[in-house]
């Protein structure tokens, strides 16, 4: 016999969505709360929106709240990391042969002239 836990989001006595994970259910419930708040705000707005458009717009904005916060400049956008650059192993990257030769020549000249310090370029 298997035991299964389910988390149900209920709105106004109606089962809206069922989740297997409490965190997902809580996030969905929070998103619906935000959508309700946005819908109330749009109801007071000077522009006239039908109830269905107001509801769709509210849910869309609540689902994309991170992008909305960035658009409102309430939050900074995350830096986009290039996947190709992320996979480069910088410990194995060597300088081009011409630069290596120049550095070796400087070291050899410094040793020959008795200089203790070599300037880095």
PDB file of N, CA and C in Angstrom:
ATOM      1  N   UNK A   1       0.850  -1.179   0.000  1.00  0.00           N
ATOM      2  CA  UNK A   1       0.000   0.000   0.000  1.00  0.00           C
ATOM      3  C   UNK A   1       0.894   1.240   0.000  1.00  0.00           C
ATOM      4  N   UNK A   2       0.664   2.140  -0.935  1.00  0.00           N
ATOM      5  CA  UNK A   2       1.448   3.364  -1.060  1.00  0.00           C
ATOM      6  C   UNK A   2       0.714   4.525  -0.400  1.00  0.00           C
ATOM      7  N   UNK A   3       1.491   5.377   0.223  1.00  0.00           N
ATOM      8  CA  UNK A   3       0.933   6.579   0.836  1.00  0.00           C
ATOM      9  C   UNK A   3       1.441   7.767   0.022  1.00  0.00           C
ATOM     10  N   UNK A   4       0.538   8.631  -0.364  1.00  0.00           N
ATOM     11  CA  UNK A   4       0.882   9.770  -1.189  1.00  0.00           C
ATOM     12  C   UNK A   4       0.361  11.041  -0.544  1.00  0.00           C
ATOM     13  N   UNK A   5       1.221  12.034  -0.434  1.00  0.00           N
ATOM     14  CA  UNK A   5       0.799  13.332   0.088  1.00  0.00           C
ATOM     15  C   UNK A   5       0.503  14.248  -1.082  1.00  0.00           C
ATOM     16  N   UNK A   6      -0.615  14.944  -0.997  1.00  0.00           N
ATOM     17  CA  UNK A   6      -0.991  15.897  -2.033  1.00  0.00           C
ATOM     18  C   UNK A   6      -1.350  17.209  -1.360  1.00  0.00           C
ATOM     19  N   UNK A   7      -0.987  18.282  -2.030  1.00  0.00           N
ATOM     20  CA  UNK A   7      -1.273  19.613  -1.522  1.00  0.00           C
ATOM     21  C   UNK A   7      -2.212  20.291  -2.511  1.00  0.00           C
ATOM     22  N   UNK A   8      -3.358  20.680  -2.011  1.00  0.00           N
ATOM     23  CA  UNK A   8      -4.400  21.225  -2.865  1.00  0.00           C
ATOM     24  C   UNK A   8      -4.561  22.713  -2.583  1.00  0.00           C
ATOM     25  N   UNK A   9      -4.557  23.508  -3.654  1.00  0.00           N
ATOM     26  CA  UNK A   9      -4.810  24.940  -3.542  1.00  0.00           C
ATOM     27  C   UNK A   9      -6.298  25.136  -3.783  1.00  0.00           C
ATOM     28  N   UNK A  10      -6.969  25.729  -2.798  1.00  0.00           N
ATOM     29  CA  UNK A  10      -8.414  25.942  -2.876  1.00  0.00           C
ATOM     30  C   UNK A  10      -8.683  27.442  -2.828  1.00  0.00           C
ATOM     31  N   UNK A  11      -9.482  27.921  -3.770  1.00  0.00           N
ATOM     32  CA  UNK A  11      -9.864  29.333  -3.831  1.00  0.00           C
ATOM     33  C   UNK A  11     -11.372  29.433  -3.843  1.00  0.00           C
ATOM     34  N   UNK A  12     -11.923  30.165  -2.904  1.00  0.00           N
ATOM     35  CA  UNK A  12     -13.364  30.388  -2.793  1.00  0.00           C
ATOM     36  C   UNK A  12     -14.133  29.066  -2.835  1.00  0.00           C
ATOM     37  N   UNK A  13     -13.616  28.065  -2.119  1.00  0.00           N
ATOM     38  CA  UNK A  13     -14.263  26.770  -2.006  1.00  0.00           C
ATOM     39  C   UNK A  13     -14.092  25.859  -3.206  1.00  0.00           C
ATOM     40  N   UNK A  14     -13.282  26.276  -4.184  1.00  0.00           N
ATOM     41  CA  UNK A  14     -13.083  25.484  -5.393  1.00  0.00           C
ATOM     42  C   UNK A  14     -11.632  25.017  -5.458  1.00  0.00           C
ATOM     43  N   UNK A  15     -11.459  23.732  -5.753  1.00  0.00           N
ATOM     44  CA  UNK A  15     -10.117  23.173  -5.920  1.00  0.00           C
ATOM     45  C   UNK A  15      -9.526  23.741  -7.199  1.00  0.00           C
ATOM     46  N   UNK A  16      -8.415  24.466  -7.062  1.00  0.00           N
ATOM     47  CA  UNK A  16      -7.813  25.112  -8.214  1.00  0.00           C
ATOM     48  C   UNK A  16      -6.727  24.236  -8.828  1.00  0.00           C
ATOM     49  N   UNK A  17      -5.840  23.730  -7.990  1.00  0.00           N
ATOM     50  CA  UNK A  17      -4.692  22.960  -8.482  1.00  0.00           C
ATOM     51  C   UNK A  17      -4.227  22.014  -7.381  1.00  0.00           C
ATOM     52  N   UNK A  18      -3.668  20.880  -7.788  1.00  0.00           N
ATOM     53  CA  UNK A  18      -3.130  19.903  -6.845  1.00  0.00           C
ATOM     54  C   UNK A  18      -1.643  19.723  -7.117  1.00  0.00           C
ATOM     55  N   UNK A  19      -0.869  19.694  -6.037  1.00  0.00           N
ATOM     56  CA  UNK A  19       0.585  19.553  -6.147  1.00  0.00           C
ATOM     57  C   UNK A  19       1.073  18.399  -5.279  1.00  0.00           C
ATOM     58  N   UNK A  20       2.190  17.831  -5.651  1.00  0.00           N
ATOM     59  CA  UNK A  20       2.823  16.777  -4.868  1.00  0.00           C
ATOM     60  C   UNK A  20       3.841  17.377  -3.894  1.00  0.00           C
ATOM     61  N   UNK A  21       4.147  18.639  -4.075  1.00  0.00           N
ATOM     62  CA  UNK A  21       5.202  19.323  -3.326  1.00  0.00           C
ATOM     63  C   UNK A  21       4.609  20.545  -2.628  1.00  0.00           C
ATOM     64  N   UNK A  22       4.821  20.653  -1.327  1.00  0.00           N
ATOM     65  CA  UNK A  22       4.258  21.763  -0.546  1.00  0.00           C
ATOM     66  C   UNK A  22       4.798  23.106  -1.017  1.00  0.00           C
ATOM     67  N   UNK A  23       6.089  23.156  -1.332  1.00  0.00           N
ATOM     68  CA  UNK A  23       6.706  24.410  -1.771  1.00  0.00           C
ATOM     69  C   UNK A  23       6.046  24.916  -3.062  1.00  0.00           C
ATOM     70  N   UNK A  24       5.811  24.019  -4.013  1.00  0.00           N
ATOM     71  CA  UNK A  24       5.170  24.394  -5.269  1.00  0.00           C
ATOM     72  C   UNK A  24       3.748  24.883  -5.021  1.00  0.00           C
ATOM     73  N   UNK A  25       3.042  24.224  -4.121  1.00  0.00           N
ATOM     74  CA  UNK A  25       1.671  24.633  -3.794  1.00  0.00           C
ATOM     75  C   UNK A  25       1.663  26.020  -3.151  1.00  0.00           C
ATOM     76  N   UNK A  26       2.601  26.270  -2.241  1.00  0.00           N
ATOM     77  CA  UNK A  26       2.703  27.580  -1.590  1.00  0.00           C
ATOM     78  C   UNK A  26       3.037  28.681  -2.599  1.00  0.00           C
ATOM     79  N   UNK A  27       3.961  28.390  -3.524  1.00  0.00           N
ATOM     80  CA  UNK A  27       4.334  29.374  -4.545  1.00  0.00           C
ATOM     81  C   UNK A  27       3.144  29.700  -5.446  1.00  0.00           C
ATOM     82  N   UNK A  28       2.395  28.681  -5.823  1.00  0.00           N
ATOM     83  CA  UNK A  28       1.223  28.880  -6.675  1.00  0.00           C
ATOM     84  C   UNK A  28       0.168  29.707  -5.939  1.00  0.00           C
ATOM     85  N   UNK A  29      -0.045  29.400  -4.673  1.00  0.00           N
ATOM     86  CA  UNK A  29      -1.008  30.143  -3.862  1.00  0.00           C
ATOM     87  C   UNK A  29      -0.590  31.605  -3.738  1.00  0.00           C
ATOM     88  N   UNK A  30       0.697  31.826  -3.542  1.00  0.00           N
ATOM     89  CA  UNK A  30       1.222  33.196  -3.436  1.00  0.00           C
ATOM     90  C   UNK A  30       1.020  33.943  -4.757  1.00  0.00           C
ATOM     91  N   UNK A  31       1.257  33.253  -5.873  1.00  0.00           N
ATOM     92  CA  UNK A  31       1.067  33.866  -7.185  1.00  0.00           C
ATOM     93  C   UNK A  31      -0.398  34.264  -7.377  1.00  0.00           C
ATOM     94  N   UNK A  32      -1.308  33.396  -6.943  1.00  0.00           N
ATOM     95  CA  UNK A  32      -2.737  33.714  -7.051  1.00  0.00           C
ATOM     96  C   UNK A  32      -3.114  34.898  -6.163  1.00  0.00           C
ATOM     97  N   UNK A  33      -2.508  34.998  -4.969  1.00  0.00           N
ATOM     98  CA  UNK A  33      -2.748  36.153  -4.092  1.00  0.00           C
ATOM     99  C   UNK A  33      -2.306  37.444  -4.774  1.00  0.00           C
ATOM    100  N   UNK A  34      -1.124  37.397  -5.419  1.00  0.00           N
ATOM    101  CA  UNK A  34      -0.625  38.580  -6.133  1.00  0.00           C
ATOM    102  C   UNK A  34      -1.567  38.939  -7.287  1.00  0.00           C
ATOM    103  N   UNK A  35      -2.024  37.930  -8.008  1.00  0.00           N
ATOM    104  CA  UNK A  35      -2.938  38.168  -9.130  1.00  0.00           C
ATOM    105  C   UNK A  35      -4.234  38.813  -8.639  1.00  0.00           C
ATOM    106  N   UNK A  36      -4.742  38.363  -7.501  1.00  0.00           N
ATOM    107  CA  UNK A  36      -5.956  38.969  -6.924  1.00  0.00           C
ATOM    108  C   UNK A  36      -5.722  40.441  -6.587  1.00  0.00           C
ATOM    109  N   UNK A  37      -4.572  40.729  -5.985  1.00  0.00           N
ATOM    110  CA  UNK A  37      -4.239  42.112  -5.630  1.00  0.00           C
ATOM    111  C   UNK A  37      -4.113  42.986  -6.877  1.00  0.00           C
ATOM    112  N   UNK A  38      -3.452  42.449  -7.907  1.00  0.00           N
ATOM    113  CA  UNK A  38      -3.309  43.192  -9.159  1.00  0.00           C
ATOM    114  C   UNK A  38      -4.664  43.435  -9.817  1.00  0.00           C
ATOM    115  N   UNK A  39      -5.519  42.439  -9.774  1.00  0.00           N
ATOM    116  CA  UNK A  39      -6.846  42.568 -10.369  1.00  0.00           C
ATOM    117  C   UNK A  39      -7.639  43.679  -9.686  1.00  0.00           C
ATOM    118  N   UNK A  40      -7.556  43.741  -8.362  1.00  0.00           N
ATOM    119  CA  UNK A  40      -8.221  44.808  -7.611  1.00  0.00           C
ATOM    120  C   UNK A  40      -7.662  46.170  -7.992  1.00  0.00           C
ATOM    121  N   UNK A  41      -6.342  46.234  -8.177  1.00  0.00           N
ATOM    122  CA  UNK A  41      -5.709  47.490  -8.564  1.00  0.00           C
ATOM    123  C   UNK A  41      -6.185  47.913  -9.961  1.00  0.00           C
ATOM    124  N   UNK A  42      -6.255  46.962 -10.903  1.00  0.00           N
ATOM    125  CA  UNK A  42      -6.706  47.271 -12.257  1.00  0.00           C
ATOM    126  C   UNK A  42      -8.172  47.693 -12.281  1.00  0.00           C
ATOM    127  N   UNK A  43      -8.941  47.180 -11.338  1.00  0.00           N
ATOM    128  CA  UNK A  43     -10.353  47.546 -11.251  1.00  0.00           C
ATOM    129  C   UNK A  43     -10.502  49.037 -10.940  1.00  0.00           C
ATOM    130  N   UNK A  44      -9.556  49.578 -10.188  1.00  0.00           N
ATOM    131  CA  UNK A  44      -9.582  50.991  -9.812  1.00  0.00           C
ATOM    132  C   UNK A  44      -8.903  51.888 -10.853  1.00  0.00           C
ATOM    133  N   UNK A  45      -8.267  51.290 -11.854  1.00  0.00           N
ATOM    134  CA  UNK A  45      -7.501  52.049 -12.848  1.00  0.00           C
ATOM    135  C   UNK A  45      -8.434  52.857 -13.747  1.00  0.00           C
ATOM    136  N   UNK A  46      -7.932  53.961 -14.308  1.00  0.00           N
ATOM    137  CA  UNK A  46      -8.760  54.791 -15.191  1.00  0.00           C
ATOM    138  C   UNK A  46      -9.062  54.126 -16.545  1.00  0.00           C
ATOM    139  N   UNK A  47      -8.304  53.107 -16.915  1.00  0.00           N
ATOM    140  CA  UNK A  47      -8.587  52.386 -18.154  1.00  0.00           C
ATOM    141  C   UNK A  47      -9.622  51.303 -17.893  1.00  0.00           C
ATOM    142  N   UNK A  48     -10.504  51.109 -18.845  1.00  0.00           N
ATOM    143  CA  UNK A  48     -11.549  50.116 -18.656  1.00  0.00           C
ATOM    144  C   UNK A  48     -11.110  48.785 -19.262  1.00  0.00           C
ATOM    145  N   UNK A  49     -11.076  47.759 -18.429  1.00  0.00           N
ATOM    146  CA  UNK A  49     -10.700  46.421 -18.871  1.00  0.00           C
ATOM    147  C   UNK A  49     -11.833  45.466 -18.534  1.00  0.00           C
ATOM    148  N   UNK A  50     -12.088  44.538 -19.451  1.00  0.00           N
ATOM    149  CA  UNK A  50     -13.110  43.538 -19.147  1.00  0.00           C
ATOM    150  C   UNK A  50     -12.583  42.637 -18.031  1.00  0.00           C
ATOM    151  N   UNK A  51     -13.474  41.952 -17.369  1.00  0.00           N
ATOM    152  CA  UNK A  51     -13.075  41.097 -16.248  1.00  0.00           C
ATOM    153  C   UNK A  51     -12.104  40.009 -16.698  1.00  0.00           C
ATOM    154  N   UNK A  52     -12.354  39.415 -17.866  1.00  0.00           N
ATOM    155  CA  UNK A  52     -11.471  38.335 -18.338  1.00  0.00           C
ATOM    156  C   UNK A  52     -10.081  38.865 -18.691  1.00  0.00           C
ATOM    157  N   UNK A  53     -10.007  40.038 -19.325  1.00  0.00           N
ATOM    158  CA  UNK A  53      -8.709  40.635 -19.663  1.00  0.00           C
ATOM    159  C   UNK A  53      -7.969  41.020 -18.382  1.00  0.00           C
ATOM    160  N   UNK A  54      -8.697  41.607 -17.443  1.00  0.00           N
ATOM    161  CA  UNK A  54      -8.102  42.006 -16.163  1.00  0.00           C
ATOM    162  C   UNK A  54      -7.526  40.777 -15.447  1.00  0.00           C
ATOM    163  N   UNK A  55      -8.284  39.678 -15.468  1.00  0.00           N
ATOM    164  CA  UNK A  55      -7.838  38.443 -14.810  1.00  0.00           C
ATOM    165  C   UNK A  55      -6.598  37.865 -15.506  1.00  0.00           C
ATOM    166  N   UNK A  56      -6.627  37.798 -16.841  1.00  0.00           N
ATOM    167  CA  UNK A  56      -5.486  37.266 -17.588  1.00  0.00           C
ATOM    168  C   UNK A  56      -4.237  38.110 -17.369  1.00  0.00           C
ATOM    169  N   UNK A  57      -4.399  39.421 -17.429  1.00  0.00           N
ATOM    170  CA  UNK A  57      -3.272  40.332 -17.236  1.00  0.00           C
ATOM    171  C   UNK A  57      -2.713  40.207 -15.826  1.00  0.00           C
ATOM    172  N   UNK A  58      -3.574  40.109 -14.843  1.00  0.00           N
ATOM    173  CA  UNK A  58      -3.138  39.970 -13.448  1.00  0.00           C
ATOM    174  C   UNK A  58      -2.347  38.692 -13.231  1.00  0.00           C
ATOM    175  N   UNK A  59      -2.840  37.588 -13.767  1.00  0.00           N
ATOM    176  CA  UNK A  59      -2.141  36.302 -13.625  1.00  0.00           C
ATOM    177  C   UNK A  59      -0.803  36.348 -14.358  1.00  0.00           C
ATOM    178  N   UNK A  60      -0.795  36.936 -15.562  1.00  0.00           N
ATOM    179  CA  UNK A  60       0.446  37.031 -16.324  1.00  0.00           C
ATOM    180  C   UNK A  60       1.507  37.822 -15.554  1.00  0.00           C
ATOM    181  N   UNK A  61       1.129  38.972 -15.026  1.00  0.00           N
ATOM    182  CA  UNK A  61       2.080  39.802 -14.281  1.00  0.00           C
ATOM    183  C   UNK A  61       2.555  39.107 -13.006  1.00  0.00           C
ATOM    184  N   UNK A  62       1.658  38.400 -12.335  1.00  0.00           N
ATOM    185  CA  UNK A  62       2.040  37.678 -11.118  1.00  0.00           C
ATOM    186  C   UNK A  62       2.988  36.530 -11.445  1.00  0.00           C
ATOM    187  N   UNK A  63       2.746  35.826 -12.551  1.00  0.00           N
ATOM    188  CA  UNK A  63       3.629  34.724 -12.943  1.00  0.00           C
ATOM    189  C   UNK A  63       5.007  35.224 -13.360  1.00  0.00           C
ATOM    190  N   UNK A  64       5.070  36.449 -13.858  1.00  0.00           N
ATOM    191  CA  UNK A  64       6.332  37.023 -14.334  1.00  0.00           C
ATOM    192  C   UNK A  64       6.802  38.158 -13.435  1.00  0.00           C
ATOM    193  N   UNK A  65       6.595  37.990 -12.142  1.00  0.00           N
ATOM    194  CA  UNK A  65       6.884  39.072 -11.197  1.00  0.00           C
ATOM    195  C   UNK A  65       8.340  39.509 -11.204  1.00  0.00           C
ATOM    196  N   UNK A  66       9.277  38.585 -11.429  1.00  0.00           N
ATOM    197  CA  UNK A  66      10.700  38.959 -11.466  1.00  0.00           C
ATOM    198  C   UNK A  66      10.956  39.948 -12.596  1.00  0.00           C
ATOM    199  N   UNK A  67      10.403  39.661 -13.779  1.00  0.00           N
ATOM    200  CA  UNK A  67      10.574  40.555 -14.922  1.00  0.00           C
ATOM    201  C   UNK A  67       9.873  41.887 -14.689  1.00  0.00           C
ATOM    202  N   UNK A  68       8.733  41.855 -14.016  1.00  0.00           N
ATOM    203  CA  UNK A  68       8.003  43.083 -13.710  1.00  0.00           C
ATOM    204  C   UNK A  68       8.823  43.955 -12.757  1.00  0.00           C
ATOM    205  N   UNK A  69       9.405  43.342 -11.731  1.00  0.00           N
ATOM    206  CA  UNK A  69      10.231  44.094 -10.784  1.00  0.00           C
ATOM    207  C   UNK A  69      11.439  44.702 -11.478  1.00  0.00           C
ATOM    208  N   UNK A  70      12.031  43.975 -12.409  1.00  0.00           N
ATOM    209  CA  UNK A  70      13.167  44.506 -13.157  1.00  0.00           C
ATOM    210  C   UNK A  70      12.708  45.668 -14.036  1.00  0.00           C
ATOM    211  N   UNK A  71      11.564  45.515 -14.691  1.00  0.00           N
ATOM    212  CA  UNK A  71      11.031  46.578 -15.547  1.00  0.00           C
ATOM    213  C   UNK A  71      10.704  47.832 -14.737  1.00  0.00           C
ATOM    214  N   UNK A  72      10.247  47.645 -13.510  1.00  0.00           N
ATOM    215  CA  UNK A  72       9.933  48.780 -12.635  1.00  0.00           C
ATOM    216  C   UNK A  72      11.174  49.321 -11.925  1.00  0.00           C
ATOM    217  N   UNK A  73      12.306  48.726 -12.210  1.00  0.00           N
ATOM    218  CA  UNK A  73      13.602  49.083 -11.617  1.00  0.00           C
ATOM    219  C   UNK A  73      13.595  48.925 -10.102  1.00  0.00           C
ATOM    220  N   UNK A  74      12.798  47.981  -9.619  1.00  0.00           N
ATOM    221  CA  UNK A  74      12.772  47.665  -8.197  1.00  0.00           C
ATOM    222  C   UNK A  74      13.777  46.564  -7.885  1.00  0.00           C
ATOM    223  N   UNK A  75      14.294  45.954  -8.938  1.00  0.00           N
ATOM    224  CA  UNK A  75      15.242  44.861  -8.787  1.00  0.00           C
ATOM    225  C   UNK A  75      16.200  44.903  -9.966  1.00  0.00           C
ATOM    226  N   UNK A  76      17.451  44.545  -9.710  1.00  0.00           N
ATOM    227  CA  UNK A  76      18.434  44.535 -10.794  1.00  0.00           C
ATOM    228  C   UNK A  76      18.376  43.212 -11.547  1.00  0.00           C
ATOM    229  N   UNK A  77      18.590  43.302 -12.835  1.00  0.00           N
ATOM    230  CA  UNK A  77      18.610  42.099 -13.668  1.00  0.00           C
ATOM    231  C   UNK A  77      19.867  41.290 -13.361  1.00  0.00           C
ATOM    232  N   UNK A  78      19.724  39.978 -13.416  1.00  0.00           N
ATOM    233  CA  UNK A  78      20.876  39.104 -13.193  1.00  0.00           C
ATOM    234  C   UNK A  78      21.761  39.147 -14.417  1.00  0.00           C
ATOM    235  N   UNK A  79      23.074  39.098 -14.190  1.00  0.00           N
ATOM    236  CA  UNK A  79      24.014  39.082 -15.306  1.00  0.00           C
ATOM    237  C   UNK A  79      23.879  37.764 -16.051  1.00  0.00           C
ATOM    238  N   UNK A  80      23.847  37.848 -17.361  1.00  0.00           N
ATOM    239  CA  UNK A  80      23.741  36.656 -18.194  1.00  0.00           C
ATOM    240  C   UNK A  80      25.142  36.132 -18.440  1.00  0.00           C
ATOM    241  N   UNK A  81      25.361  34.867 -18.099  1.00  0.00           N
ATOM    242  CA  UNK A  81      26.664  34.245 -18.282  1.00  0.00           C
ATOM    243  C   UNK A  81      26.629  33.425 -19.556  1.00  0.00           C
ATOM    244  N   UNK A  82      27.614  33.656 -20.406  1.00  0.00           N
ATOM    245  CA  UNK A  82      27.715  32.905 -21.648  1.00  0.00           C
ATOM    246  C   UNK A  82      28.097  31.474 -21.320  1.00  0.00           C
ATOM    247  N   UNK A  83      27.309  30.498 -21.774  1.00  0.00           N
ATOM    248  CA  UNK A  83      27.564  29.096 -21.457  1.00  0.00           C
ATOM    249  C   UNK A  83      28.917  28.644 -21.995  1.00  0.00           C
ATOM    250  N   UNK A  84      29.311  29.113 -23.160  1.00  0.00           N
ATOM    251  CA  UNK A  84      30.595  28.719 -23.741  1.00  0.00           C
ATOM    252  C   UNK A  84      31.738  29.244 -22.879  1.00  0.00           C
ATOM    253  N   UNK A  85      31.621  30.476 -22.413  1.00  0.00           N
ATOM    254  CA  UNK A  85      32.671  31.054 -21.572  1.00  0.00           C
ATOM    255  C   UNK A  85      32.714  30.369 -20.220  1.00  0.00           C
ATOM    256  N   UNK A  86      31.583  29.898 -19.741  1.00  0.00           N
ATOM    257  CA  UNK A  86      31.508  29.247 -18.435  1.00  0.00           C
ATOM    258  C   UNK A  86      32.273  27.926 -18.425  1.00  0.00           C
ATOM    259  N   UNK A  87      32.331  27.236 -19.576  1.00  0.00           N
ATOM    260  CA  UNK A  87      32.962  25.924 -19.655  1.00  0.00           C
ATOM    261  C   UNK A  87      34.453  25.975 -19.962  1.00  0.00           C
ATOM    262  N   UNK A  88      35.021  27.151 -20.121  1.00  0.00           N
ATOM    263  CA  UNK A  88      36.444  27.264 -20.424  1.00  0.00           C
ATOM    264  C   UNK A  88      37.249  27.063 -19.144  1.00  0.00           C
ATOM    265  N   UNK A  89      38.266  26.213 -19.221  1.00  0.00           N
ATOM    266  CA  UNK A  89      39.162  25.978 -18.089  1.00  0.00           C
ATOM    267  C   UNK A  89      40.321  26.953 -18.224  1.00  0.00           C
ATOM    268  N   UNK A  90      40.302  28.032 -17.440  1.00  0.00           N
ATOM    269  CA  UNK A  90      41.307  29.077 -17.568  1.00  0.00           C
ATOM    270  C   UNK A  90      42.670  28.657 -17.026  1.00  0.00           C
ATOM    271  N   UNK A  91      42.742  27.576 -16.273  1.00  0.00           N
ATOM    272  CA  UNK A  91      44.035  27.131 -15.746  1.00  0.00           C
ATOM    273  C   UNK A  91      44.905  26.528 -16.837  1.00  0.00           C
ATOM    274  N   UNK A  92      44.291  26.069 -17.927  1.00  0.00           N
ATOM    275  CA  UNK A  92      45.050  25.435 -18.991  1.00  0.00           C
ATOM    276  C   UNK A  92      45.293  26.350 -20.176  1.00  0.00           C
ATOM    277  N   UNK A  93      44.809  27.592 -20.103  1.00  0.00           N
ATOM    278  CA  UNK A  93      44.994  28.526 -21.203  1.00  0.00           C
ATOM    279  C   UNK A  93      46.411  29.064 -21.141  1.00  0.00           C
ATOM    280  N   UNK A  94      47.131  28.949 -22.246  1.00  0.00           N
ATOM    281  CA  UNK A  94      48.495  29.474 -22.282  1.00  0.00           C
ATOM    282  C   UNK A  94      48.551  30.660 -23.220  1.00  0.00           C
ATOM    283  N   UNK A  95      49.590  31.454 -23.060  1.00  0.00           N
ATOM    284  CA  UNK A  95      49.746  32.627 -23.898  1.00  0.00           C
ATOM    285  C   UNK A  95      50.214  32.214 -25.286  1.00  0.00           C
ATOM    286  N   UNK A  96      49.986  33.073 -26.260  1.00  0.00           N
ATOM    287  CA  UNK A  96      50.476  32.779 -27.604  1.00  0.00           C
ATOM    288  C   UNK A  96      51.999  32.630 -27.595  1.00  0.00           C
ATOM    289  N   UNK A  97      52.551  31.801 -28.469  1.00  0.00           N
ATOM    290  CA  UNK A  97      53.991  31.544 -28.488  1.00  0.00           C
ATOM    291  C   UNK A  97      54.843  32.800 -28.610  1.00  0.00           C
ATOM    292  N   UNK A  98      54.400  33.794 -29.349  1.00  0.00           N
ATOM    293  CA  UNK A  98      55.187  35.019 -29.525  1.00  0.00           C
ATOM    294  C   UNK A  98      55.388  35.737 -28.202  1.00  0.00           C
ATOM    295  N   UNK A  99      54.337  35.810 -27.375  1.00  0.00           N
ATOM    296  CA  UNK A  99      54.446  36.481 -26.075  1.00  0.00           C
ATOM    297  C   UNK A  99      55.351  35.671 -25.158  1.00  0.00           C
ATOM    298  N   UNK A 100      55.231  34.345 -25.207  1.00  0.00           N
ATOM    299  CA  UNK A 100      56.100  33.487 -24.391  1.00  0.00           C
ATOM    300  C   UNK A 100      57.561  33.713 -24.732  1.00  0.00           C
ATOM    301  N   UNK A 101      57.892  33.806 -26.026  1.00  0.00           N
ATOM    302  CA  UNK A 101      59.273  34.030 -26.470  1.00  0.00           C
ATOM    303  C   UNK A 101      59.801  35.361 -25.959  1.00  0.00           C
ATOM    304  N   UNK A 102      58.977  36.402 -26.018  1.00  0.00           N
ATOM    305  CA  UNK A 102      59.387  37.723 -25.546  1.00  0.00           C
ATOM    306  C   UNK A 102      59.689  37.687 -24.058  1.00  0.00           C
ATOM    307  N   UNK A 103      58.830  37.021 -23.275  1.00  0.00           N
ATOM    308  CA  UNK A 103      59.051  36.934 -21.828  1.00  0.00           C
ATOM    309  C   UNK A 103      60.327  36.168 -21.525  1.00  0.00           C
ATOM    310  N   UNK A 104      60.569  35.069 -22.236  1.00  0.00           N
ATOM    311  CA  UNK A 104      61.790  34.290 -22.022  1.00  0.00           C
ATOM    312  C   UNK A 104      63.022  35.108 -22.372  1.00  0.00           C
ATOM    313  N   UNK A 105      62.910  35.896 -23.435  1.00  0.00           N
ATOM    314  CA  UNK A 105      64.039  36.746 -23.834  1.00  0.00           C
ATOM    315  C   UNK A 105      64.311  37.798 -22.776  1.00  0.00           C
ATOM    316  N   UNK A 106      63.282  38.393 -22.194  1.00  0.00           N
ATOM    317  CA  UNK A 106      63.467  39.393 -21.139  1.00  0.00           C
ATOM    318  C   UNK A 106      64.133  38.776 -19.919  1.00  0.00           C
ATOM    319  N   UNK A 107      63.692  37.572 -19.558  1.00  0.00           N
ATOM    320  CA  UNK A 107      64.279  36.888 -18.409  1.00  0.00           C
ATOM    321  C   UNK A 107      65.759  36.588 -18.686  1.00  0.00           C
ATOM    322  N   UNK A 108      66.055  36.118 -19.893  1.00  0.00           N
ATOM    323  CA  UNK A 108      67.444  35.808 -20.254  1.00  0.00           C
ATOM    324  C   UNK A 108      68.301  37.068 -20.240  1.00  0.00           C
ATOM    325  N   UNK A 109      67.762  38.173 -20.764  1.00  0.00           N
ATOM    326  CA  UNK A 109      68.508  39.436 -20.766  1.00  0.00           C
ATOM    327  C   UNK A 109      68.735  39.947 -19.353  1.00  0.00           C
ATOM    328  N   UNK A 110      67.748  39.799 -18.506  1.00  0.00           N
ATOM    329  CA  UNK A 110      67.865  40.262 -17.123  1.00  0.00           C
ATOM    330  C   UNK A 110      68.933  39.458 -16.385  1.00  0.00           C
ATOM    331  N   UNK A 111      68.968  38.143 -16.625  1.00  0.00           N
ATOM    332  CA  UNK A 111      69.969  37.308 -15.977  1.00  0.00           C
ATOM    333  C   UNK A 111      71.365  37.654 -16.487  1.00  0.00           C
ATOM    334  N   UNK A 112      71.440  37.902 -17.786  1.00  0.00           N
ATOM    335  CA  UNK A 112      72.735  38.223 -18.386  1.00  0.00           C
ATOM    336  C   UNK A 112      73.243  39.563 -17.895  1.00  0.00           C
ATOM    337  N   UNK A 113      72.372  40.512 -17.697  1.00  0.00           N
ATOM    338  CA  UNK A 113      72.822  41.842 -17.258  1.00  0.00           C
ATOM    339  C   UNK A 113      72.894  41.934 -15.739  1.00  0.00           C
ATOM    340  N   UNK A 114      72.484  40.875 -15.036  1.00  0.00           N
ATOM    341  CA  UNK A 114      72.581  40.841 -13.584  1.00  0.00           C
ATOM    342  C   UNK A 114      71.447  41.531 -12.858  1.00  0.00           C
ATOM    343  N   UNK A 115      70.409  41.871 -13.554  1.00  0.00           N
ATOM    344  CA  UNK A 115      69.256  42.500 -12.902  1.00  0.00           C
ATOM    345  C   UNK A 115      68.507  41.454 -12.085  1.00  0.00           C
ATOM    346  N   UNK A 116      68.076  41.839 -10.897  1.00  0.00           N
ATOM    347  CA  UNK A 116      67.355  40.918 -10.038  1.00  0.00           C
ATOM    348  C   UNK A 116      65.863  40.913 -10.349  1.00  0.00           C
ATOM    349  N   UNK A 117      65.373  42.041 -10.804  1.00  0.00           N
ATOM    350  CA  UNK A 117      63.934  42.173 -11.056  1.00  0.00           C
ATOM    351  C   UNK A 117      63.650  42.178 -12.546  1.00  0.00           C
ATOM    352  N   UNK A 118      62.571  41.536 -12.914  1.00  0.00           N
ATOM    353  CA  UNK A 118      62.103  41.532 -14.304  1.00  0.00           C
ATOM    354  C   UNK A 118      60.758  42.230 -14.329  1.00  0.00           C
ATOM    355  N   UNK A 119      60.624  43.207 -15.204  1.00  0.00           N
ATOM    356  CA  UNK A 119      59.353  43.920 -15.309  1.00  0.00           C
ATOM    357  C   UNK A 119      58.347  43.028 -16.030  1.00  0.00           C
ATOM    358  N   UNK A 120      57.147  43.026 -15.504  1.00  0.00           N
ATOM    359  CA  UNK A 120      56.074  42.259 -16.144  1.00  0.00           C
ATOM    360  C   UNK A 120      55.346  43.172 -17.127  1.00  0.00           C
ATOM    361  N   UNK A 121      55.008  42.619 -18.274  1.00  0.00           N
ATOM    362  CA  UNK A 121      54.271  43.415 -19.269  1.00  0.00           C
ATOM    363  C   UNK A 121      52.846  42.966 -19.341  1.00  0.00           C
TER     364      UNK A 121
END
